[in-house]
Amino acid sequence: MYRAFLLLALRRPWLVPAMVGMAWCARARGWYRRPPFLPVPPASFLRWRMETAYGDPDAQPPLEDLARFLRWARHHRRTF
């Protein structure tokens, strides 16, 4: 999953701020106490999201879906 975000960041660098914002919003509690010491969503959350979105917890979403979601999330964070 993280590989897809890296590939998207390389192809569409203007989405990097949205990626950082999304990672911060979905970060695991106490992320600073556990390796890898990064504010990223827990793996269980990502698996749940893939299950609800694609019906498979191991699904690899298309890059266009990731880009669309990031634009949607950025827009909605601005409206609150």
C-alpha atoms as a PDB file:
ATOM      1  CA  MET A   1       0.000   0.000   0.000  1.00  0.00           C
ATOM      2  CA  TYR A   2       2.733   2.473   0.913  1.00  0.00           C
ATOM      3  CA  ARG A   3       4.476   1.684  -2.362  1.00  0.00           C
ATOM      4  CA  ALA A   4       1.412   2.947  -4.242  1.00  0.00           C
ATOM      5  CA  PHE A   5       1.550   6.233  -2.318  1.00  0.00           C
ATOM      6  CA  LEU A   6       5.241   6.595  -3.130  1.00  0.00           C
ATOM      7  CA  LEU A   7       4.595   5.965  -6.811  1.00  0.00           C
ATOM      8  CA  LEU A   8       1.743   8.470  -6.768  1.00  0.00           C
ATOM      9  CA  ALA A   9       3.975  11.045  -5.063  1.00  0.00           C
ATOM     10  CA  LEU A  10       6.586  10.606  -7.784  1.00  0.00           C
ATOM     11  CA  ARG A  11       4.035  10.907 -10.582  1.00  0.00           C
ATOM     12  CA  ARG A  12       1.960  13.699  -9.031  1.00  0.00           C
ATOM     13  CA  PRO A  13       4.105  15.672  -6.583  1.00  0.00           C
ATOM     14  CA  TRP A  14       1.393  18.297  -6.082  1.00  0.00           C
ATOM     15  CA  LEU A  15      -0.548  15.646  -4.112  1.00  0.00           C
ATOM     16  CA  VAL A  16       2.225  15.241  -1.516  1.00  0.00           C
ATOM     17  CA  PRO A  17       0.737  17.882   0.849  1.00  0.00           C
ATOM     18  CA  ALA A  18      -2.603  16.044   0.685  1.00  0.00           C
ATOM     19  CA  MET A  19      -0.801  12.756   1.452  1.00  0.00           C
ATOM     20  CA  VAL A  20       0.925  14.265   4.467  1.00  0.00           C
ATOM     21  CA  GLY A  21      -2.358  15.738   5.697  1.00  0.00           C
ATOM     22  CA  MET A  22      -4.155  12.424   5.281  1.00  0.00           C
ATOM     23  CA  ALA A  23      -1.398  10.509   7.083  1.00  0.00           C
ATOM     24  CA  TRP A  24      -1.562  12.998   9.954  1.00  0.00           C
ATOM     25  CA  CYS A  25      -5.351  12.737  10.241  1.00  0.00           C
ATOM     26  CA  ALA A  26      -5.314   8.930  10.217  1.00  0.00           C
ATOM     27  CA  ARG A  27      -2.161   8.439  12.309  1.00  0.00           C
ATOM     28  CA  ALA A  28      -2.084   5.779  14.984  1.00  0.00           C
ATOM     29  CA  ARG A  29      -2.324   6.847  18.595  1.00  0.00           C
ATOM     30  CA  GLY A  30       1.062   6.846  20.278  1.00  0.00           C
ATOM     31  CA  TRP A  31       2.858   6.590  16.919  1.00  0.00           C
ATOM     32  CA  TYR A  32       5.910   8.237  18.463  1.00  0.00           C
ATOM     33  CA  ARG A  33       6.336   5.348  20.937  1.00  0.00           C
ATOM     34  CA  ARG A  34       6.472   2.479  18.408  1.00  0.00           C
ATOM     35  CA  PRO A  35       8.694   1.763  15.414  1.00  0.00           C
ATOM     36  CA  PRO A  36       8.843   2.989  12.697  1.00  0.00           C
ATOM     37  CA  PHE A  37       8.139   6.217  14.649  1.00  0.00           C
ATOM     38  CA  LEU A  38       6.182   7.737  11.775  1.00  0.00           C
ATOM     39  CA  PRO A  39       2.693   9.270  11.940  1.00  0.00           C
ATOM     40  CA  VAL A  40       1.104   6.795   9.532  1.00  0.00           C
ATOM     41  CA  PRO A  41      -2.199   4.919   9.765  1.00  0.00           C
ATOM     42  CA  PRO A  42      -2.088   1.513  11.436  1.00  0.00           C
ATOM     43  CA  ALA A  43      -2.015  -1.491   9.117  1.00  0.00           C
ATOM     44  CA  SER A  44      -5.326  -2.723  10.568  1.00  0.00           C
ATOM     45  CA  PHE A  45      -6.986   0.551   9.511  1.00  0.00           C
ATOM     46  CA  LEU A  46      -5.639   0.260   5.966  1.00  0.00           C
ATOM     47  CA  ARG A  47      -6.771  -3.350   5.703  1.00  0.00           C
ATOM     48  CA  TRP A  48     -10.254  -2.368   6.926  1.00  0.00           C
ATOM     49  CA  ARG A  49     -10.419   0.474   4.385  1.00  0.00           C
ATOM     50  CA  MET A  50      -9.458  -1.862   1.539  1.00  0.00           C
ATOM     51  CA  GLU A  51     -12.054  -4.388   2.708  1.00  0.00           C
ATOM     52  CA  THR A  52     -14.822  -1.778   2.779  1.00  0.00           C
ATOM     53  CA  ALA A  53     -13.801  -0.122  -0.486  1.00  0.00           C
ATOM     54  CA  TYR A  54     -12.831  -3.122  -2.620  1.00  0.00           C
ATOM     55  CA  GLY A  55     -14.108  -6.192  -0.761  1.00  0.00           C
ATOM     56  CA  ASP A  56     -10.570  -7.496  -0.217  1.00  0.00           C
ATOM     57  CA  PRO A  57      -8.300  -6.440   2.648  1.00  0.00           C
ATOM     58  CA  ASP A  58      -5.257  -7.093   0.440  1.00  0.00           C
ATOM     59  CA  ALA A  59      -6.527  -5.040  -2.503  1.00  0.00           C
ATOM     60  CA  GLN A  60      -4.153  -2.632  -4.233  1.00  0.00           C
ATOM     61  CA  PRO A  61      -6.197   0.383  -5.309  1.00  0.00           C
ATOM     62  CA  PRO A  62      -5.492   1.943  -8.689  1.00  0.00           C
ATOM     63  CA  LEU A  63      -3.410   5.119  -8.524  1.00  0.00           C
ATOM     64  CA  GLU A  64      -6.313   7.152  -9.912  1.00  0.00           C
ATOM     65  CA  ASP A  65      -8.496   6.019  -6.982  1.00  0.00           C
ATOM     66  CA  LEU A  66      -5.813   7.120  -4.520  1.00  0.00           C
ATOM     67  CA  ALA A  67      -5.463  10.495  -6.246  1.00  0.00           C
ATOM     68  CA  ARG A  68      -9.238  11.003  -6.284  1.00  0.00           C
ATOM     69  CA  PHE A  69      -9.506  10.107  -2.586  1.00  0.00           C
ATOM     70  CA  LEU A  70      -6.684  12.488  -1.646  1.00  0.00           C
ATOM     71  CA  ARG A  71      -8.316  15.360  -3.540  1.00  0.00           C
ATOM     72  CA  TRP A  72     -11.660  14.582  -1.886  1.00  0.00           C
ATOM     73  CA  ALA A  73     -10.112  14.386   1.600  1.00  0.00           C
ATOM     74  CA  ARG A  74      -8.175  17.632   1.111  1.00  0.00           C
ATOM     75  CA  HIS A  75     -11.339  19.424   0.007  1.00  0.00           C
ATOM     76  CA  HIS A  76     -13.343  18.171   2.985  1.00  0.00           C
ATOM     77  CA  ARG A  77     -10.652  19.018   5.515  1.00  0.00           C
ATOM     78  CA  ARG A  78     -10.759  22.606   4.238  1.00  0.00           C
ATOM     79  CA  THR A  79     -14.545  22.885   4.620  1.00  0.00           C
ATOM     80  CA  PHE A  80     -14.576  22.083   8.360  1.00  0.00           C
END
